[in-house]
Amino acid sequence: MSGSEKSGETAGKAVITGFSAIVFIVQAIASGVLFFKAFSLGIVPDKYIIALGIMLWLLLMVSALLLFVGLKRSVSVAGLTKRVVAVMLAAFICFVSLVGYKGMDGVKKTINEVAATEEANAAEATLAMMNLYVTYSDPAKSASDCKNYVVGIAKGSNGGYSKAALNKMSSETGVSVRSKEFESEGELIDALYNGDVDAVIVSSAQVEILSETEEFEDVSDRLRLIREYEVSTADMKFIPTEPEKTFESEKAATEDDSGEGSITNTPFIVYLSGSDTRSKKFKTSRSDVNILMVVNPKSKQILLLNTPRDYYVPNPKSDTGERDKLTHLGLYGVECSMKGLADLYDCKVDYSAQINFTGLETLVDQLGGITIDNPQAFSSVGYKFKKGTITLNGKEALVYARERHSFATGDNMRGQNQMRIVTAMIKKLTASKSKLLKNYSGIMKALSGMFKTSMPTSDVEKLVKMQLNDMAEWKITSYAVTGTNGSETTYSAPKLKSYVMKPDQKSVNTAKTNIKRLMAGETL
């Protein structure tokens, strides 16, 4: 072999050696990034982290053998073939690392979004949707048409929100809109009917509350919506209002997983609330779903306790213990509902969790549907549900959860059906061949913007990690309190009578006992 040939072969070996080193380093970096991301995610069990690390290390060693063993024959056909295989392996690891990183990053962002801090929730919250109404016969079609009207607002619980909406209306129309204030929403609507004001600003929820009373049952037919004003925290800054009554709620301790105070070892209670919206913004509104989920992570038991929406309970917002419908408590914030239920059952409600309509539909579909045992055949909005075992997709599950008019017991049966859906979803998520493992990214994406909880991010991660680690199947029981029909005034609609359900104390006492037994680790 001539000197020039030797020199060319040496140069070729140097190029291939350098290229091999670059390929090895790139694969090592990609492997390290993927491992670190999985480790820092906080929900991947240690056994999976270790398995991932071993697999990535073994693949890196395979690449090292392919790239660096036999460097003297690096320019041979066999040597080049091995390095081509090594490059393909490195490219595959890089691709997996990129996809895995993006997927896990999305999961982390969703967890942070779902379990946002109370401060973040307060900063972003839409406090109320305040509406501008006129009578049905009024010719006005826009807010500008009402700029010279006298607009009525109520001093009640939404008084500050009404003033904020009035300010928005003035900014929109370019004039300072004249207003007149009334003591309650009932007096406000009466004033509109009598011509004392030309328009009113009131929340749609308050209109619905009035429609439940005997005096204003036709209010929805007599009012016409002109404009919606979304009132946020920022809009309330310069509105003088009465100091808001806050509701203390103790939070479960969040020590290390091995500690007695860890959420994976200590029983806790979550208030499940349904948001009647398809928007990605959660607005202060009535809650038609009022389920307490009592969880004992040690005994792997869950108790679902349903309370009918019309249950007549003391409203924590009232300093004198005035009673209200449970559903109305949601108008004063989720903490008010939590406090009302905690007082009713003499327990501590640690967290809240809210999901809206779109979130329920999407989540059920991501789970591949749910199977329930339906105790009574019925039809609703074009869907037929037979008696017995049925499988529901997202749209069907939503219709099933909302129906109450088909049942003699009305809202009682609806609450029980809602618990059946929650039970089916939990079972699907925690089954041995769980969708939680197979479609975790899709499930988390389904919850993004459509589900939120007051549970800290660290606790959400610990619970998910615990479930992924042991894949335990939970025993789920349910109970619904009952009551008798009545007609009473409520805190949210003073001086006006509406339908309420007066609690049956015997069923409430049974619920209290069930909560205490499960919290103590007894089998229900």
Protein backbone atom coordinates (compact mmCIF):
# COMPACT_ATOMS: atom_id res chain seq x y z
CA MET A 1 0.00 0.00 0.00
CA SER A 2 1.42 3.36 -1.01
CA GLY A 3 1.91 6.25 1.41
CA SER A 4 -0.94 8.21 -0.14
CA GLU A 5 -3.30 5.23 0.28
CA LYS A 6 -2.29 4.83 3.94
CA SER A 7 -2.76 8.55 4.49
CA GLY A 8 -6.23 8.41 2.90
CA GLU A 9 -7.25 5.41 5.02
CA THR A 10 -6.02 7.13 8.18
CA ALA A 11 -7.97 10.25 7.31
CA GLY A 12 -11.07 8.13 6.62
CA LYS A 13 -10.75 6.38 9.99
CA ALA A 14 -10.39 9.74 11.72
CA VAL A 15 -13.56 11.06 10.08
CA ILE A 16 -15.55 7.94 10.98
CA THR A 17 -14.18 7.97 14.53
CA GLY A 18 -15.18 11.60 14.99
CA PHE A 19 -18.59 10.96 13.48
CA SER A 20 -19.06 7.94 15.80
CA ALA A 21 -18.21 10.08 18.82
CA ILE A 22 -20.76 12.72 17.79
CA VAL A 23 -23.49 10.07 17.32
CA PHE A 24 -22.71 8.56 20.74
CA ILE A 25 -22.78 11.94 22.48
CA VAL A 26 -26.09 12.92 20.82
CA GLN A 27 -27.70 9.64 21.92
CA ALA A 28 -26.33 10.05 25.44
CA ILE A 29 -27.75 13.58 25.71
CA ALA A 30 -31.16 12.50 24.34
CA SER A 31 -31.24 9.58 26.79
CA GLY A 32 -30.30 11.84 29.67
CA VAL A 33 -32.95 14.41 28.79
CA LEU A 34 -35.68 11.75 28.59
CA PHE A 35 -34.62 10.14 31.88
CA PHE A 36 -34.41 13.47 33.72
CA LYS A 37 -37.81 14.59 32.42
CA ALA A 38 -39.46 11.33 33.54
CA PHE A 39 -37.72 11.57 36.92
CA SER A 40 -38.71 15.21 37.50
CA LEU A 41 -42.32 14.70 36.37
CA GLY A 42 -43.19 13.50 39.87
CA ILE A 43 -45.83 10.93 38.92
CA VAL A 44 -43.77 8.10 37.43
CA PRO A 45 -43.21 5.28 40.00
CA ASP A 46 -39.60 4.51 40.93
CA LYS A 47 -39.76 1.03 39.40
CA TYR A 48 -40.57 2.53 35.99
CA ILE A 49 -37.86 5.17 36.36
CA ILE A 50 -35.29 2.46 37.14
CA ALA A 51 -36.49 0.32 34.22
CA LEU A 52 -36.27 3.31 31.86
CA GLY A 53 -32.75 4.13 33.08
CA ILE A 54 -31.56 0.54 32.59
CA MET A 55 -33.09 0.34 29.12
CA LEU A 56 -31.55 3.64 27.99
CA TRP A 57 -28.15 2.61 29.42
CA LEU A 58 -28.24 -0.76 27.66
CA LEU A 59 -29.13 0.88 24.34
CA LEU A 60 -26.28 3.34 24.83
CA MET A 61 -23.89 0.43 25.44
CA VAL A 62 -25.15 -1.28 22.26
CA SER A 63 -24.42 1.91 20.35
CA ALA A 64 -20.93 2.06 21.89
CA LEU A 65 -20.20 -1.49 20.72
CA LEU A 66 -21.46 -0.73 17.22
CA LEU A 67 -19.58 2.55 16.98
CA PHE A 68 -16.24 1.93 18.66
CA VAL A 69 -15.45 -1.81 18.59
CA GLY A 70 -13.31 -2.68 15.57
CA LEU A 71 -12.14 0.85 14.79
CA LYS A 72 -9.20 -0.60 12.82
CA ARG A 73 -11.71 -2.00 10.34
CA SER A 74 -13.91 1.07 10.44
CA VAL A 75 -13.66 1.65 6.70
CA SER A 76 -14.72 -1.91 5.87
CA VAL A 77 -18.22 -2.76 4.67
CA ALA A 78 -19.03 -4.52 7.96
CA GLY A 79 -17.74 -1.56 9.96
CA LEU A 80 -19.79 0.91 7.98
CA THR A 81 -22.91 -1.27 8.31
CA LYS A 82 -22.56 -1.35 12.11
CA ARG A 83 -22.26 2.41 12.23
CA VAL A 84 -25.32 2.88 10.02
CA VAL A 85 -27.28 0.73 12.49
CA ALA A 86 -25.88 2.80 15.36
CA VAL A 87 -26.96 6.03 13.66
CA MET A 88 -30.48 4.63 13.17
CA LEU A 89 -30.62 3.62 16.84
CA ALA A 90 -29.46 7.07 17.95
CA ALA A 91 -32.03 8.73 15.67
CA PHE A 92 -34.75 6.51 17.16
CA ILE A 93 -33.71 7.43 20.73
CA CYS A 94 -33.70 11.12 19.78
CA PHE A 95 -37.19 10.82 18.30
CA VAL A 96 -38.52 8.98 21.36
CA SER A 97 -36.88 11.55 23.62
CA LEU A 98 -38.44 14.45 21.73
CA VAL A 99 -41.93 12.91 21.69
CA GLY A 100 -41.62 11.80 25.33
CA TYR A 101 -40.37 15.21 26.45
CA LYS A 102 -43.20 17.06 24.72
CA GLY A 103 -45.78 14.60 26.06
CA MET A 104 -44.50 14.76 29.64
CA ASP A 105 -44.16 18.54 29.43
CA GLY A 106 -47.82 18.72 28.39
CA VAL A 107 -48.81 16.46 31.28
CA LYS A 108 -46.89 18.65 33.74
CA LYS A 109 -48.51 21.81 32.41
CA THR A 110 -51.97 20.24 32.64
CA ILE A 111 -51.38 19.14 36.25
CA ASN A 112 -50.25 22.66 37.10
CA GLU A 113 -53.29 24.08 35.34
CA VAL A 114 -55.75 21.65 36.92
CA ALA A 115 -54.27 22.03 40.40
CA ALA A 116 -53.57 25.76 40.24
CA THR A 117 -52.86 27.63 43.45
CA GLU A 118 -55.69 29.48 45.13
CA GLU A 119 -53.93 32.77 44.33
CA ALA A 120 -53.76 31.89 40.62
CA ASN A 121 -57.39 30.84 40.58
CA ALA A 122 -58.39 34.09 42.26
CA ALA A 123 -56.37 36.15 39.81
CA GLU A 124 -57.88 34.46 36.76
CA ALA A 125 -61.38 33.76 38.03
CA THR A 126 -64.45 35.09 36.29
CA LEU A 127 -66.55 35.99 39.29
CA ALA A 128 -69.89 36.40 37.56
CA MET A 129 -71.70 36.81 34.27
CA MET A 130 -73.93 39.88 34.65
CA ASN A 131 -76.63 40.43 32.03
CA LEU A 132 -78.43 43.50 30.75
CA TYR A 133 -82.16 42.77 30.37
CA VAL A 134 -85.18 44.71 29.14
CA THR A 135 -88.81 43.65 28.96
CA TYR A 136 -89.73 41.44 26.05
CA SER A 137 -91.69 44.24 24.32
CA ASP A 138 -88.87 46.81 24.56
CA PRO A 139 -87.45 47.82 21.13
CA ALA A 140 -83.79 48.01 22.29
CA LYS A 141 -81.44 45.61 20.53
CA SER A 142 -78.04 46.63 21.89
CA ALA A 143 -76.41 48.28 24.89
CA SER A 144 -76.08 51.49 22.87
CA ASP A 145 -79.86 51.55 22.48
CA CYS A 146 -80.08 51.55 26.30
CA LYS A 147 -77.51 54.30 26.98
CA ASN A 148 -80.19 56.82 27.95
CA TYR A 149 -82.19 54.31 29.99
CA VAL A 150 -82.41 54.21 33.77
CA VAL A 151 -80.81 50.88 34.61
CA GLY A 152 -81.75 49.10 37.82
CA ILE A 153 -79.31 47.09 39.90
CA ALA A 154 -79.72 45.18 43.19
CA LYS A 155 -77.74 45.64 46.39
CA GLY A 156 -77.79 41.92 47.18
CA SER A 157 -74.91 39.47 46.97
CA ASN A 158 -74.16 40.52 43.39
CA GLY A 159 -74.32 44.26 44.07
CA GLY A 160 -70.62 44.84 43.46
CA TYR A 161 -70.70 42.77 40.29
CA SER A 162 -73.70 44.75 39.02
CA LYS A 163 -71.82 48.03 39.53
CA ALA A 164 -68.79 46.64 37.70
CA ALA A 165 -71.03 45.60 34.79
CA LEU A 166 -72.66 49.06 34.83
CA ASN A 167 -69.19 50.64 34.54
CA LYS A 168 -68.48 48.39 31.55
CA MET A 169 -71.75 49.45 29.96
CA SER A 170 -70.87 53.14 30.46
CA SER A 171 -67.44 52.61 28.87
CA GLU A 172 -69.02 50.75 25.96
CA THR A 173 -71.74 53.34 25.26
CA GLY A 174 -69.56 56.40 25.94
CA VAL A 175 -71.99 57.94 28.43
CA SER A 176 -72.44 57.70 32.17
CA VAL A 177 -75.47 55.41 32.38
CA ARG A 178 -78.02 56.46 34.97
CA SER A 179 -78.84 53.80 37.55
CA LYS A 180 -81.21 53.09 40.42
CA GLU A 181 -80.48 50.67 43.25
CA PHE A 182 -82.90 48.23 44.91
CA GLU A 183 -82.67 46.06 48.01
CA SER A 184 -83.21 42.71 46.27
CA GLU A 185 -83.47 41.11 42.85
CA GLY A 186 -87.21 40.58 43.39
CA GLU A 187 -87.79 44.32 43.95
CA LEU A 188 -85.54 45.03 40.96
CA ILE A 189 -87.62 42.92 38.57
CA ASP A 190 -90.84 44.36 39.99
CA ALA A 191 -89.49 47.84 39.23
CA LEU A 192 -88.83 46.82 35.63
CA TYR A 193 -92.32 45.39 35.28
CA ASN A 194 -93.84 48.59 36.74
CA GLY A 195 -91.78 50.93 34.56
CA ASP A 196 -89.74 52.42 37.42
CA VAL A 197 -86.60 51.50 35.47
CA ASP A 198 -86.08 50.85 31.76
CA ALA A 199 -83.58 47.99 32.04
CA VAL A 200 -81.87 45.90 34.70
CA ILE A 201 -78.47 44.35 35.23
CA VAL A 202 -78.67 41.02 37.03
CA SER A 203 -76.97 37.63 36.76
CA SER A 204 -78.62 34.88 34.76
CA ALA A 205 -78.30 32.66 37.84
CA GLN A 206 -80.39 35.08 39.88
CA VAL A 207 -83.02 35.12 37.12
CA GLU A 208 -83.13 31.34 37.29
CA ILE A 209 -83.49 31.52 41.08
CA LEU A 210 -86.43 33.91 40.71
CA SER A 211 -88.03 31.61 38.12
CA GLU A 212 -88.16 28.92 40.85
CA THR A 213 -90.38 31.12 43.03
CA GLU A 214 -94.16 31.34 42.86
CA GLU A 215 -94.14 35.11 42.28
CA PHE A 216 -91.71 35.15 39.35
CA GLU A 217 -92.14 31.76 37.68
CA ASP A 218 -92.63 33.45 34.27
CA VAL A 219 -89.67 35.85 34.59
CA SER A 220 -87.64 34.10 31.88
CA ASP A 221 -90.47 34.65 29.38
CA ARG A 222 -90.89 38.33 30.25
CA LEU A 223 -87.22 39.38 30.03
CA ARG A 224 -85.09 39.73 26.90
CA LEU A 225 -81.31 39.54 27.05
CA ILE A 226 -79.48 42.50 25.46
CA ARG A 227 -75.86 42.09 26.53
CA GLU A 228 -73.66 39.87 28.70
CA TYR A 229 -70.91 41.41 30.83
CA GLU A 230 -68.17 39.13 32.13
CA VAL A 231 -66.98 40.47 35.49
CA SER A 232 -63.51 39.41 36.65
CA THR A 233 -61.38 40.12 39.69
CA ALA A 234 -59.74 43.06 37.93
CA ASP A 235 -63.14 44.66 37.25
CA MET A 236 -63.92 44.66 40.98
CA LYS A 237 -60.84 46.61 42.12
CA PHE A 238 -62.48 50.02 42.31
CA ILE A 239 -65.98 48.94 43.28
CA PRO A 240 -66.80 49.69 46.94
CA THR A 241 -68.49 46.58 48.33
CA GLU A 242 -69.17 44.99 51.67
CA PRO A 243 -66.26 42.87 52.93
CA GLU A 244 -66.57 39.36 51.53
CA LYS A 245 -67.22 36.67 54.08
CA THR A 246 -64.58 34.00 53.74
CA PHE A 247 -64.94 30.35 54.61
CA GLU A 248 -62.18 28.55 56.40
CA SER A 249 -61.40 25.08 55.11
CA GLU A 250 -58.67 22.91 56.54
CA LYS A 251 -56.37 21.26 54.07
CA ALA A 252 -54.98 17.77 54.33
CA ALA A 253 -51.34 17.63 55.37
CA THR A 254 -48.88 16.96 52.60
CA GLU A 255 -45.81 15.50 54.20
CA ASP A 256 -43.46 12.99 52.63
CA ASP A 257 -45.10 9.87 51.16
CA SER A 258 -43.89 7.79 54.08
CA GLY A 259 -45.23 10.18 56.73
CA GLU A 260 -48.50 9.82 58.57
CA GLY A 261 -49.73 13.11 57.12
CA SER A 262 -49.21 12.15 53.48
CA ILE A 263 -52.21 12.22 51.18
CA THR A 264 -51.34 8.64 50.20
CA ASN A 265 -51.81 7.54 53.82
CA THR A 266 -54.40 9.90 55.28
CA PRO A 267 -58.17 9.87 54.44
CA PHE A 268 -59.51 13.02 52.82
CA ILE A 269 -62.76 14.40 51.38
CA VAL A 270 -63.24 16.05 47.98
CA TYR A 271 -66.29 18.09 47.00
CA LEU A 272 -67.24 17.19 43.42
CA SER A 273 -69.13 19.95 41.63
CA GLY A 274 -70.46 20.10 38.08
CA SER A 275 -70.22 23.30 36.06
CA ASP A 276 -73.17 23.84 33.71
CA THR A 277 -71.04 25.24 30.90
CA ARG A 278 -69.09 24.29 27.81
CA SER A 279 -66.69 27.20 28.23
CA LYS A 280 -63.09 26.72 29.31
CA LYS A 281 -63.63 29.42 31.95
CA PHE A 282 -65.23 28.41 35.22
CA LYS A 283 -67.79 30.98 36.29
CA THR A 284 -69.41 31.42 39.67
CA SER A 285 -72.70 29.62 39.27
CA ARG A 286 -75.19 27.27 40.89
CA SER A 287 -73.99 23.73 41.34
CA ASP A 288 -76.33 20.98 40.18
CA VAL A 289 -73.83 18.28 41.14
CA ASN A 290 -73.06 18.06 44.87
CA ILE A 291 -71.13 14.90 45.67
CA LEU A 292 -68.71 14.37 48.53
CA MET A 293 -66.03 11.82 47.64
CA VAL A 294 -64.61 10.37 50.86
CA VAL A 295 -61.30 8.65 50.12
CA ASN A 296 -59.27 6.30 52.31
CA PRO A 297 -56.02 5.62 50.38
CA LYS A 298 -54.87 3.00 52.90
CA SER A 299 -57.93 0.78 52.76
CA LYS A 300 -58.52 1.62 49.06
CA GLN A 301 -62.12 2.62 49.71
CA ILE A 302 -64.19 5.47 48.32
CA LEU A 303 -67.59 6.64 49.53
CA LEU A 304 -69.65 8.79 47.16
CA LEU A 305 -72.25 10.81 49.06
CA ASN A 306 -74.90 12.68 47.07
CA THR A 307 -76.88 15.61 48.41
CA PRO A 308 -79.87 16.82 46.32
CA ARG A 309 -79.47 20.27 44.79
CA ASP A 310 -82.62 21.62 46.53
CA TYR A 311 -81.59 20.45 50.03
CA TYR A 312 -82.61 23.16 52.51
CA VAL A 313 -79.46 23.95 54.48
CA PRO A 314 -78.01 26.95 56.37
CA ASN A 315 -76.11 29.23 53.99
CA PRO A 316 -72.65 29.95 55.47
CA LYS A 317 -72.85 33.38 53.83
CA SER A 318 -75.58 34.32 56.33
CA ASP A 319 -74.52 35.51 59.77
CA THR A 320 -77.87 34.43 61.22
CA GLY A 321 -77.99 30.93 59.75
CA GLU A 322 -80.65 31.66 57.12
CA ARG A 323 -81.40 28.59 55.04
CA ASP A 324 -81.01 28.26 51.31
CA LYS A 325 -81.07 25.67 48.57
CA LEU A 326 -77.75 23.83 48.40
CA THR A 327 -77.44 24.69 44.71
CA HIS A 328 -77.59 28.42 45.54
CA LEU A 329 -74.51 28.18 47.74
CA GLY A 330 -72.44 27.87 44.57
CA LEU A 331 -73.30 31.48 43.72
CA TYR A 332 -71.08 32.58 46.60
CA GLY A 333 -68.14 30.47 45.51
CA VAL A 334 -67.14 26.82 45.78
CA GLU A 335 -65.82 27.38 49.31
CA CYS A 336 -69.34 28.30 50.42
CA SER A 337 -70.69 25.00 49.08
CA MET A 338 -67.87 23.11 50.78
CA LYS A 339 -68.57 24.83 54.10
CA GLY A 340 -72.31 24.16 53.81
CA LEU A 341 -71.76 20.44 53.26
CA ALA A 342 -69.09 20.26 55.95
CA ASP A 343 -71.54 21.77 58.44
CA LEU A 344 -74.34 19.45 57.33
CA TYR A 345 -72.28 16.27 57.78
CA ASP A 346 -70.05 17.45 60.64
CA CYS A 347 -66.87 16.70 58.72
CA LYS A 348 -63.88 18.43 57.15
CA VAL A 349 -64.06 18.89 53.37
CA ASP A 350 -60.45 19.20 52.25
CA TYR A 351 -60.61 19.89 48.53
CA SER A 352 -62.92 20.81 45.70
CA ALA A 353 -62.97 19.49 42.14
CA GLN A 354 -65.03 20.95 39.29
CA ILE A 355 -65.62 19.66 35.77
CA ASN A 356 -67.70 21.20 33.00
CA PHE A 357 -69.85 19.55 30.33
CA THR A 358 -67.18 19.39 27.63
CA GLY A 359 -64.69 17.96 30.11
CA LEU A 360 -67.06 15.13 31.07
CA GLU A 361 -67.80 14.25 27.44
CA THR A 362 -64.14 14.25 26.42
CA LEU A 363 -62.94 12.34 29.46
CA VAL A 364 -65.49 9.55 28.99
CA ASP A 365 -64.51 9.27 25.32
CA GLN A 366 -60.80 9.16 26.20
CA LEU A 367 -61.60 6.30 28.57
CA GLY A 368 -63.19 4.41 25.68
CA GLY A 369 -66.66 4.75 27.18
CA ILE A 370 -67.98 3.62 30.55
CA THR A 371 -70.22 0.74 31.62
CA ILE A 372 -72.91 1.14 34.28
CA ASP A 373 -75.81 -0.84 35.70
CA ASN A 374 -78.88 1.28 34.92
CA PRO A 375 -81.75 0.55 37.37
CA GLN A 376 -84.52 2.15 35.30
CA ALA A 377 -85.17 2.51 31.58
CA PHE A 378 -85.82 6.06 30.33
CA SER A 379 -85.46 8.37 27.33
CA SER A 380 -84.00 11.88 27.16
CA VAL A 381 -83.37 14.32 24.28
CA GLY A 382 -83.38 11.58 21.66
CA TYR A 383 -81.38 9.02 23.63
CA LYS A 384 -82.83 5.78 25.02
CA PHE A 385 -81.30 4.09 28.04
CA LYS A 386 -82.43 0.52 28.67
CA LYS A 387 -82.56 -1.12 32.08
CA GLY A 388 -79.53 -3.22 32.98
CA THR A 389 -75.89 -3.06 31.91
CA ILE A 390 -75.26 -0.29 29.36
CA THR A 391 -72.16 1.29 27.84
CA LEU A 392 -72.10 5.05 27.33
CA ASN A 393 -69.94 7.33 25.22
CA GLY A 394 -69.26 10.95 26.19
CA LYS A 395 -72.46 12.51 24.83
CA GLU A 396 -74.61 9.71 26.23
CA ALA A 397 -72.97 9.98 29.65
CA LEU A 398 -73.69 13.71 29.77
CA VAL A 399 -77.37 13.23 28.86
CA TYR A 400 -77.62 10.40 31.40
CA ALA A 401 -76.11 12.59 34.13
CA ARG A 402 -78.40 15.55 33.50
CA GLU A 403 -81.81 13.86 33.24
CA ARG A 404 -84.22 14.14 36.18
CA HIS A 405 -87.71 14.71 34.75
CA SER A 406 -88.09 11.05 33.76
CA PHE A 407 -88.03 9.90 37.37
CA ALA A 408 -90.64 10.00 40.12
CA THR A 409 -87.91 10.94 42.61
CA GLY A 410 -86.52 13.61 40.27
CA ASP A 411 -83.26 15.05 41.49
CA ASN A 412 -82.67 12.15 43.90
CA MET A 413 -82.41 9.72 41.00
CA ARG A 414 -80.30 12.17 38.99
CA GLY A 415 -77.83 12.37 41.88
CA GLN A 416 -77.64 8.58 42.07
CA ASN A 417 -77.08 8.38 38.31
CA GLN A 418 -74.28 10.93 38.60
CA MET A 419 -72.65 8.76 41.24
CA ARG A 420 -72.95 5.76 38.90
CA ILE A 421 -71.03 7.69 36.25
CA VAL A 422 -68.34 8.80 38.71
CA THR A 423 -68.02 5.21 39.95
CA ALA A 424 -67.68 3.88 36.40
CA MET A 425 -64.98 6.42 35.55
CA ILE A 426 -62.98 5.65 38.69
CA LYS A 427 -63.17 1.92 38.00
CA LYS A 428 -62.05 2.44 34.41
CA LEU A 429 -59.12 4.58 35.55
CA THR A 430 -57.99 2.19 38.29
CA ALA A 431 -58.59 -1.19 36.62
CA SER A 432 -55.63 -3.56 36.25
CA LYS A 433 -55.55 -2.86 32.49
CA SER A 434 -56.08 0.82 33.18
CA LYS A 435 -56.66 3.47 30.56
CA LEU A 436 -54.64 5.68 32.89
CA LEU A 437 -51.51 3.83 31.77
CA LYS A 438 -52.47 3.39 28.11
CA ASN A 439 -53.78 6.88 27.40
CA TYR A 440 -52.46 9.10 30.16
CA SER A 441 -51.50 11.93 27.81
CA GLY A 442 -54.92 11.94 26.11
CA ILE A 443 -56.74 11.85 29.43
CA MET A 444 -54.74 14.78 30.78
CA LYS A 445 -55.33 16.72 27.56
CA ALA A 446 -59.07 16.07 27.94
CA LEU A 447 -58.98 17.65 31.39
CA SER A 448 -56.99 20.70 30.31
CA GLY A 449 -59.11 23.81 30.85
CA MET A 450 -62.21 21.73 31.65
CA PHE A 451 -61.35 20.45 35.10
CA LYS A 452 -59.86 22.15 38.13
CA THR A 453 -59.20 21.23 41.73
CA SER A 454 -58.01 23.02 44.85
CA MET A 455 -55.74 20.06 45.61
CA PRO A 456 -52.06 21.14 45.47
CA THR A 457 -50.03 19.98 42.49
CA SER A 458 -47.75 17.92 44.74
CA ASP A 459 -50.72 15.95 46.11
CA VAL A 460 -52.16 15.31 42.65
CA GLU A 461 -48.77 13.96 41.59
CA LYS A 462 -48.50 11.73 44.68
CA LEU A 463 -51.93 10.19 44.11
CA VAL A 464 -51.26 9.53 40.42
CA LYS A 465 -47.86 8.04 41.25
CA MET A 466 -49.42 5.82 43.93
CA GLN A 467 -52.03 4.51 41.51
CA LEU A 468 -49.54 3.92 38.69
CA ASN A 469 -47.30 2.10 41.14
CA ASP A 470 -49.75 -0.36 42.68
CA MET A 471 -52.65 -0.26 40.15
CA ALA A 472 -54.94 -1.15 43.04
CA GLU A 473 -58.66 -1.63 42.43
CA TRP A 474 -60.76 0.47 44.76
CA LYS A 475 -63.96 -0.51 46.55
CA ILE A 476 -66.55 2.16 45.81
CA THR A 477 -69.81 2.54 47.71
CA SER A 478 -72.45 5.23 47.33
CA TYR A 479 -75.16 6.75 49.47
CA ALA A 480 -77.77 9.49 48.89
CA VAL A 481 -79.55 11.43 51.60
CA THR A 482 -83.28 12.03 51.26
CA GLY A 483 -85.85 14.57 52.35
CA THR A 484 -89.42 15.84 52.02
CA ASN A 485 -90.83 18.42 49.64
CA GLY A 486 -91.61 21.89 50.93
CA SER A 487 -92.03 25.55 50.00
CA GLU A 488 -89.90 28.09 51.88
CA THR A 489 -88.13 31.42 51.52
CA THR A 490 -84.38 31.24 50.87
CA TYR A 491 -81.37 33.41 51.67
CA SER A 492 -80.79 34.00 47.94
CA ALA A 493 -84.42 34.99 47.27
CA PRO A 494 -85.69 36.64 50.47
CA LYS A 495 -89.44 37.11 50.97
CA LEU A 496 -90.13 34.78 48.01
CA LYS A 497 -91.15 31.16 48.42
CA SER A 498 -89.74 28.40 46.24
CA TYR A 499 -89.53 24.61 46.23
CA VAL A 500 -87.03 23.11 48.68
CA MET A 501 -86.24 19.64 50.01
CA LYS A 502 -86.24 19.52 53.77
CA PRO A 503 -83.54 17.13 55.05
CA ASP A 504 -84.46 13.76 56.49
CA GLN A 505 -82.29 13.79 59.60
CA LYS A 506 -82.17 10.00 59.82
CA SER A 507 -80.54 9.75 56.37
CA VAL A 508 -78.17 12.61 57.26
CA ASN A 509 -77.12 10.77 60.42
CA THR A 510 -76.51 7.60 58.39
CA ALA A 511 -74.31 9.62 56.04
CA LYS A 512 -72.33 11.00 58.99
CA THR A 513 -71.79 7.48 60.31
CA ASN A 514 -70.64 6.20 56.92
CA ILE A 515 -68.14 9.05 56.61
CA LYS A 516 -66.67 8.37 60.07
CA ARG A 517 -66.46 4.62 59.46
CA LEU A 518 -64.63 5.00 56.15
CA MET A 519 -62.27 7.62 57.56
CA ALA A 520 -61.47 5.17 60.38
CA GLY A 521 -60.62 2.44 57.87
CA GLU A 522 -63.68 0.27 58.46
CA THR A 523 -65.15 -1.62 55.50
CA LEU A 524 -68.50 -0.26 54.41
